[in-house]
């Protein structure tokens, strides 16, 4: 799940990126709630009504992420 190339592009040494990726993958692989998280597929907000809808969806997604990380 973690991408060593992206971590090194962000300035990590290859050794540290490899270790970080290993730890991230190990933490996520054992947590099915984290592994099941999906992206927000709602269209961008273009007016007050769609902005409110997107905010509510983001709030729900954030709560789902917090719950997944706590499990």
PDB file of N, CA and C in Angstrom:
ATOM      1  N   UNK A   1       0.815  -1.182   0.000  1.00  0.00           N
ATOM      2  CA  UNK A   1       0.000   0.000   0.000  1.00  0.00           C
ATOM      3  C   UNK A   1       0.868   1.258   0.000  1.00  0.00           C
ATOM      4  N   UNK A   2       1.909   1.306   0.809  1.00  0.00           N
ATOM      5  CA  UNK A   2       2.804   2.456   0.828  1.00  0.00           C
ATOM      6  C   UNK A   2       3.747   2.356  -0.370  1.00  0.00           C
ATOM      7  N   UNK A   3       4.042   3.487  -0.973  1.00  0.00           N
ATOM      8  CA  UNK A   3       4.868   3.521  -2.170  1.00  0.00           C
ATOM      9  C   UNK A   3       6.244   4.069  -1.820  1.00  0.00           C
ATOM     10  N   UNK A   4       7.250   3.219  -1.868  1.00  0.00           N
ATOM     11  CA  UNK A   4       8.616   3.609  -1.512  1.00  0.00           C
ATOM     12  C   UNK A   4       9.108   4.729  -2.419  1.00  0.00           C
ATOM     13  N   UNK A   5       8.773   4.665  -3.703  1.00  0.00           N
ATOM     14  CA  UNK A   5       9.222   5.715  -4.636  1.00  0.00           C
ATOM     15  C   UNK A   5       8.674   7.077  -4.240  1.00  0.00           C
ATOM     16  N   UNK A   6       7.415   7.121  -3.832  1.00  0.00           N
ATOM     17  CA  UNK A   6       6.824   8.406  -3.423  1.00  0.00           C
ATOM     18  C   UNK A   6       7.463   8.913  -2.137  1.00  0.00           C
ATOM     19  N   UNK A   7       7.747   8.013  -1.225  1.00  0.00           N
ATOM     20  CA  UNK A   7       8.381   8.427   0.031  1.00  0.00           C
ATOM     21  C   UNK A   7       9.784   8.985  -0.223  1.00  0.00           C
ATOM     22  N   UNK A   8      10.545   8.355  -1.109  1.00  0.00           N
ATOM     23  CA  UNK A   8      11.875   8.883  -1.416  1.00  0.00           C
ATOM     24  C   UNK A   8      11.777  10.202  -2.180  1.00  0.00           C
ATOM     25  N   UNK A   9      10.761  10.346  -3.020  1.00  0.00           N
ATOM     26  CA  UNK A   9      10.570  11.614  -3.728  1.00  0.00           C
ATOM     27  C   UNK A   9      10.251  12.744  -2.760  1.00  0.00           C
ATOM     28  N   UNK A  10       9.674  12.405  -1.616  1.00  0.00           N
ATOM     29  CA  UNK A  10       9.375  13.404  -0.591  1.00  0.00           C
ATOM     30  C   UNK A  10      10.581  13.716   0.288  1.00  0.00           C
ATOM     31  N   UNK A  11      11.706  13.048   0.005  1.00  0.00           N
ATOM     32  CA  UNK A  11      12.940  13.368   0.714  1.00  0.00           C
ATOM     33  C   UNK A  11      13.435  12.320   1.687  1.00  0.00           C
ATOM     34  N   UNK A  12      12.731  11.204   1.827  1.00  0.00           N
ATOM     35  CA  UNK A  12      13.212  10.147   2.717  1.00  0.00           C
ATOM     36  C   UNK A  12      14.363   9.403   2.055  1.00  0.00           C
ATOM     37  N   UNK A  13      15.286   8.955   2.890  1.00  0.00           N
ATOM     38  CA  UNK A  13      16.350   8.103   2.358  1.00  0.00           C
ATOM     39  C   UNK A  13      15.718   6.777   1.935  1.00  0.00           C
ATOM     40  N   UNK A  14      16.296   6.077   0.973  1.00  0.00           N
ATOM     41  CA  UNK A  14      15.714   4.801   0.540  1.00  0.00           C
ATOM     42  C   UNK A  14      15.550   3.795   1.676  1.00  0.00           C
ATOM     43  N   UNK A  15      16.512   3.765   2.594  1.00  0.00           N
ATOM     44  CA  UNK A  15      16.440   2.825   3.714  1.00  0.00           C
ATOM     45  C   UNK A  15      15.262   3.162   4.624  1.00  0.00           C
ATOM     46  N   UNK A  16      15.116   4.452   4.930  1.00  0.00           N
ATOM     47  CA  UNK A  16      14.013   4.879   5.789  1.00  0.00           C
ATOM     48  C   UNK A  16      12.668   4.684   5.087  1.00  0.00           C
ATOM     49  N   UNK A  17      12.621   4.980   3.795  1.00  0.00           N
ATOM     50  CA  UNK A  17      11.383   4.799   3.024  1.00  0.00           C
ATOM     51  C   UNK A  17      10.969   3.337   3.016  1.00  0.00           C
ATOM     52  N   UNK A  18      11.922   2.447   2.860  1.00  0.00           N
ATOM     53  CA  UNK A  18      11.636   1.012   2.861  1.00  0.00           C
ATOM     54  C   UNK A  18      11.066   0.574   4.209  1.00  0.00           C
ATOM     55  N   UNK A  19      11.678   1.046   5.296  1.00  0.00           N
ATOM     56  CA  UNK A  19      11.200   0.688   6.639  1.00  0.00           C
ATOM     57  C   UNK A  19       9.820   1.287   6.905  1.00  0.00           C
ATOM     58  N   UNK A  20       9.624   2.550   6.535  1.00  0.00           N
ATOM     59  CA  UNK A  20       8.329   3.200   6.744  1.00  0.00           C
ATOM     60  C   UNK A  20       7.234   2.482   5.966  1.00  0.00           C
ATOM     61  N   UNK A  21       7.519   2.142   4.714  1.00  0.00           N
ATOM     62  CA  UNK A  21       6.538   1.440   3.889  1.00  0.00           C
ATOM     63  C   UNK A  21       6.192   0.088   4.501  1.00  0.00           C
ATOM     64  N   UNK A  22       7.190  -0.593   5.005  1.00  0.00           N
ATOM     65  CA  UNK A  22       6.963  -1.896   5.634  1.00  0.00           C
ATOM     66  C   UNK A  22       6.061  -1.763   6.863  1.00  0.00           C
ATOM     67  N   UNK A  23       6.311  -0.755   7.678  1.00  0.00           N
ATOM     68  CA  UNK A  23       5.498  -0.553   8.873  1.00  0.00           C
ATOM     69  C   UNK A  23       4.071  -0.137   8.517  1.00  0.00           C
ATOM     70  N   UNK A  24       3.926   0.729   7.519  1.00  0.00           N
ATOM     71  CA  UNK A  24       2.591   1.152   7.084  1.00  0.00           C
ATOM     72  C   UNK A  24       1.814  -0.048   6.560  1.00  0.00           C
ATOM     73  N   UNK A  25       2.444  -0.821   5.693  1.00  0.00           N
ATOM     74  CA  UNK A  25       1.772  -1.986   5.124  1.00  0.00           C
ATOM     75  C   UNK A  25       1.395  -2.990   6.209  1.00  0.00           C
ATOM     76  N   UNK A  26       2.266  -3.181   7.181  1.00  0.00           N
ATOM     77  CA  UNK A  26       1.977  -4.109   8.273  1.00  0.00           C
ATOM     78  C   UNK A  26       0.818  -3.645   9.133  1.00  0.00           C
ATOM     79  N   UNK A  27       0.749  -2.342   9.373  1.00  0.00           N
ATOM     80  CA  UNK A  27      -0.332  -1.795  10.197  1.00  0.00           C
ATOM     81  C   UNK A  27      -1.667  -1.862   9.471  1.00  0.00           C
ATOM     82  N   UNK A  28      -1.651  -1.604   8.182  1.00  0.00           N
ATOM     83  CA  UNK A  28      -2.894  -1.566   7.414  1.00  0.00           C
ATOM     84  C   UNK A  28      -3.388  -2.959   7.085  1.00  0.00           C
ATOM     85  N   UNK A  29      -2.482  -3.874   6.778  1.00  0.00           N
ATOM     86  CA  UNK A  29      -2.912  -5.205   6.342  1.00  0.00           C
ATOM     87  C   UNK A  29      -3.671  -5.957   7.431  1.00  0.00           C
ATOM     88  N   UNK A  30      -3.385  -5.664   8.681  1.00  0.00           N
ATOM     89  CA  UNK A  30      -4.074  -6.341   9.770  1.00  0.00           C
ATOM     90  C   UNK A  30      -5.375  -5.675  10.164  1.00  0.00           C
ATOM     91  N   UNK A  31      -5.698  -4.553   9.556  1.00  0.00           N
ATOM     92  CA  UNK A  31      -6.898  -3.810   9.934  1.00  0.00           C
ATOM     93  C   UNK A  31      -7.845  -3.762   8.741  1.00  0.00           C
ATOM     94  N   UNK A  32      -8.842  -4.622   8.741  1.00  0.00           N
ATOM     95  CA  UNK A  32      -9.769  -4.683   7.605  1.00  0.00           C
ATOM     96  C   UNK A  32     -10.599  -3.412   7.478  1.00  0.00           C
ATOM     97  N   UNK A  33     -10.852  -2.716   8.597  1.00  0.00           N
ATOM     98  CA  UNK A  33     -11.620  -1.474   8.523  1.00  0.00           C
ATOM     99  C   UNK A  33     -10.844  -0.403   7.757  1.00  0.00           C
ATOM    100  N   UNK A  34      -9.534  -0.330   7.971  1.00  0.00           N
ATOM    101  CA  UNK A  34      -8.706   0.631   7.233  1.00  0.00           C
ATOM    102  C   UNK A  34      -8.603   0.200   5.782  1.00  0.00           C
ATOM    103  N   UNK A  35      -8.401  -1.069   5.554  1.00  0.00           N
ATOM    104  CA  UNK A  35      -8.267  -1.570   4.185  1.00  0.00           C
ATOM    105  C   UNK A  35      -9.540  -1.353   3.374  1.00  0.00           C
ATOM    106  N   UNK A  36     -10.679  -1.288   4.027  1.00  0.00           N
ATOM    107  CA  UNK A  36     -11.957  -1.131   3.333  1.00  0.00           C
ATOM    108  C   UNK A  36     -12.313   0.330   3.037  1.00  0.00           C
ATOM    109  N   UNK A  37     -11.506   1.276   3.515  1.00  0.00           N
ATOM    110  CA  UNK A  37     -11.811   2.692   3.268  1.00  0.00           C
ATOM    111  C   UNK A  37     -11.774   2.990   1.775  1.00  0.00           C
ATOM    112  N   UNK A  38     -12.681   3.863   1.353  1.00  0.00           N
ATOM    113  CA  UNK A  38     -12.753   4.254  -0.052  1.00  0.00           C
ATOM    114  C   UNK A  38     -12.651   5.772  -0.168  1.00  0.00           C
ATOM    115  N   UNK A  39     -12.439   6.234  -1.388  1.00  0.00           N
ATOM    116  CA  UNK A  39     -12.361   7.674  -1.616  1.00  0.00           C
ATOM    117  C   UNK A  39     -13.761   8.280  -1.664  1.00  0.00           C
ATOM    118  N   UNK A  40     -13.820   9.596  -1.604  1.00  0.00           N
ATOM    119  CA  UNK A  40     -15.086  10.317  -1.732  1.00  0.00           C
ATOM    120  C   UNK A  40     -15.342  10.519  -3.216  1.00  0.00           C
ATOM    121  N   UNK A  41     -16.422   9.967  -3.716  1.00  0.00           N
ATOM    122  CA  UNK A  41     -16.703   9.994  -5.153  1.00  0.00           C
ATOM    123  C   UNK A  41     -17.721  11.061  -5.545  1.00  0.00           C
ATOM    124  N   UNK A  42     -18.026  11.954  -4.629  1.00  0.00           N
ATOM    125  CA  UNK A  42     -19.004  13.000  -4.902  1.00  0.00           C
ATOM    126  C   UNK A  42     -18.382  14.086  -5.782  1.00  0.00           C
ATOM    127  N   UNK A  43     -19.180  14.635  -6.672  1.00  0.00           N
ATOM    128  CA  UNK A  43     -18.705  15.710  -7.545  1.00  0.00           C
ATOM    129  C   UNK A  43     -18.351  16.947  -6.714  1.00  0.00           C
ATOM    130  N   UNK A  44     -17.517  17.807  -7.282  1.00  0.00           N
ATOM    131  CA  UNK A  44     -17.139  19.044  -6.609  1.00  0.00           C
ATOM    132  C   UNK A  44     -18.358  19.933  -6.378  1.00  0.00           C
ATOM    133  N   UNK A  45     -18.297  20.695  -5.308  1.00  0.00           N
ATOM    134  CA  UNK A  45     -19.388  21.612  -4.977  1.00  0.00           C
ATOM    135  C   UNK A  45     -19.370  22.818  -5.910  1.00  0.00           C
ATOM    136  N   UNK A  46     -20.556  23.216  -6.378  1.00  0.00           N
ATOM    137  CA  UNK A  46     -20.634  24.357  -7.292  1.00  0.00           C
ATOM    138  C   UNK A  46     -21.623  25.426  -6.824  1.00  0.00           C
ATOM    139  N   UNK A  47     -22.367  25.139  -5.776  1.00  0.00           N
ATOM    140  CA  UNK A  47     -23.331  26.107  -5.250  1.00  0.00           C
ATOM    141  C   UNK A  47     -23.562  25.779  -3.771  1.00  0.00           C
ATOM    142  N   UNK A  48     -24.309  26.606  -3.061  1.00  0.00           N
ATOM    143  CA  UNK A  48     -24.491  26.349  -1.618  1.00  0.00           C
ATOM    144  C   UNK A  48     -25.068  24.969  -1.289  1.00  0.00           C
ATOM    145  N   UNK A  49     -25.997  24.504  -2.077  1.00  0.00           N
ATOM    146  CA  UNK A  49     -26.612  23.199  -1.773  1.00  0.00           C
ATOM    147  C   UNK A  49     -25.612  22.058  -1.940  1.00  0.00           C
ATOM    148  N   UNK A  50     -24.860  22.070  -3.037  1.00  0.00           N
ATOM    149  CA  UNK A  50     -23.888  20.985  -3.239  1.00  0.00           C
ATOM    150  C   UNK A  50     -22.711  21.126  -2.285  1.00  0.00           C
ATOM    151  N   UNK A  51     -22.410  22.361  -1.875  1.00  0.00           N
ATOM    152  CA  UNK A  51     -21.345  22.563  -0.884  1.00  0.00           C
ATOM    153  C   UNK A  51     -21.744  21.925   0.446  1.00  0.00           C
ATOM    154  N   UNK A  52     -22.976  22.135   0.864  1.00  0.00           N
ATOM    155  CA  UNK A  52     -23.458  21.550   2.122  1.00  0.00           C
ATOM    156  C   UNK A  52     -23.466  20.025   2.032  1.00  0.00           C
ATOM    157  N   UNK A  53     -23.891  19.505   0.905  1.00  0.00           N
ATOM    158  CA  UNK A  53     -23.914  18.048   0.729  1.00  0.00           C
ATOM    159  C   UNK A  53     -22.500  17.477   0.803  1.00  0.00           C
ATOM    160  N   UNK A  54     -21.542  18.151   0.156  1.00  0.00           N
ATOM    161  CA  UNK A  54     -20.163  17.668   0.165  1.00  0.00           C
ATOM    162  C   UNK A  54     -19.564  17.750   1.562  1.00  0.00           C
ATOM    163  N   UNK A  55     -19.869  18.802   2.291  1.00  0.00           N
ATOM    164  CA  UNK A  55     -19.386  18.931   3.667  1.00  0.00           C
ATOM    165  C   UNK A  55     -19.922  17.785   4.520  1.00  0.00           C
ATOM    166  N   UNK A  56     -21.191  17.464   4.375  1.00  0.00           N
ATOM    167  CA  UNK A  56     -21.778  16.364   5.148  1.00  0.00           C
ATOM    168  C   UNK A  56     -21.146  15.029   4.793  1.00  0.00           C
ATOM    169  N   UNK A  57     -20.862  14.823   3.514  1.00  0.00           N
ATOM    170  CA  UNK A  57     -20.206  13.589   3.088  1.00  0.00           C
ATOM    171  C   UNK A  57     -18.790  13.521   3.654  1.00  0.00           C
ATOM    172  N   UNK A  58     -18.079  14.647   3.625  1.00  0.00           N
ATOM    173  CA  UNK A  58     -16.714  14.683   4.180  1.00  0.00           C
ATOM    174  C   UNK A  58     -16.733  14.393   5.680  1.00  0.00           C
ATOM    175  N   UNK A  59     -17.709  14.964   6.389  1.00  0.00           N
ATOM    176  CA  UNK A  59     -17.826  14.716   7.826  1.00  0.00           C
ATOM    177  C   UNK A  59     -18.048  13.232   8.095  1.00  0.00           C
ATOM    178  N   UNK A  60     -18.927  12.619   7.348  1.00  0.00           N
ATOM    179  CA  UNK A  60     -19.193  11.189   7.522  1.00  0.00           C
ATOM    180  C   UNK A  60     -17.946  10.360   7.217  1.00  0.00           C
ATOM    181  N   UNK A  61     -17.213  10.737   6.166  1.00  0.00           N
ATOM    182  CA  UNK A  61     -16.004   9.996   5.798  1.00  0.00           C
ATOM    183  C   UNK A  61     -14.931  10.145   6.866  1.00  0.00           C
ATOM    184  N   UNK A  62     -14.779  11.350   7.422  1.00  0.00           N
ATOM    185  CA  UNK A  62     -13.807  11.565   8.483  1.00  0.00           C
ATOM    186  C   UNK A  62     -14.150  10.716   9.711  1.00  0.00           C
ATOM    187  N   UNK A  63     -15.424  10.652  10.064  1.00  0.00           N
ATOM    188  CA  UNK A  63     -15.836   9.816  11.189  1.00  0.00           C
ATOM    189  C   UNK A  63     -15.565   8.342  10.911  1.00  0.00           C
ATOM    190  N   UNK A  64     -15.771   7.911   9.661  1.00  0.00           N
ATOM    191  CA  UNK A  64     -15.461   6.530   9.294  1.00  0.00           C
ATOM    192  C   UNK A  64     -13.973   6.247   9.422  1.00  0.00           C
ATOM    193  N   UNK A  65     -13.149   7.191   9.001  1.00  0.00           N
ATOM    194  CA  UNK A  65     -11.693   7.017   9.104  1.00  0.00           C
ATOM    195  C   UNK A  65     -11.266   6.941  10.568  1.00  0.00           C
ATOM    196  N   UNK A  66     -11.807   7.825  11.379  1.00  0.00           N
ATOM    197  CA  UNK A  66     -11.452   7.807  12.817  1.00  0.00           C
ATOM    198  C   UNK A  66     -11.851   6.473  13.438  1.00  0.00           C
ATOM    199  N   UNK A  67     -13.039   6.000  13.133  1.00  0.00           N
ATOM    200  CA  UNK A  67     -13.486   4.700  13.669  1.00  0.00           C
ATOM    201  C   UNK A  67     -12.581   3.572  13.200  1.00  0.00           C
ATOM    202  N   UNK A  68     -12.201   3.589  11.916  1.00  0.00           N
ATOM    203  CA  UNK A  68     -11.329   2.542  11.379  1.00  0.00           C
ATOM    204  C   UNK A  68      -9.961   2.552  12.054  1.00  0.00           C
ATOM    205  N   UNK A  69      -9.435   3.740  12.307  1.00  0.00           N
ATOM    206  CA  UNK A  69      -8.126   3.835  12.936  1.00  0.00           C
ATOM    207  C   UNK A  69      -8.158   3.411  14.408  1.00  0.00           C
ATOM    208  N   UNK A  70      -9.311   3.554  15.035  1.00  0.00           N
ATOM    209  CA  UNK A  70      -9.437   3.151  16.438  1.00  0.00           C
ATOM    210  C   UNK A  70      -9.650   1.656  16.612  1.00  0.00           C
ATOM    211  N   UNK A  71     -10.005   0.967  15.543  1.00  0.00           N
ATOM    212  CA  UNK A  71     -10.288  -0.480  15.684  1.00  0.00           C
ATOM    213  C   UNK A  71      -9.027  -1.299  15.643  1.00  0.00           C
TER     214      UNK A  71
END
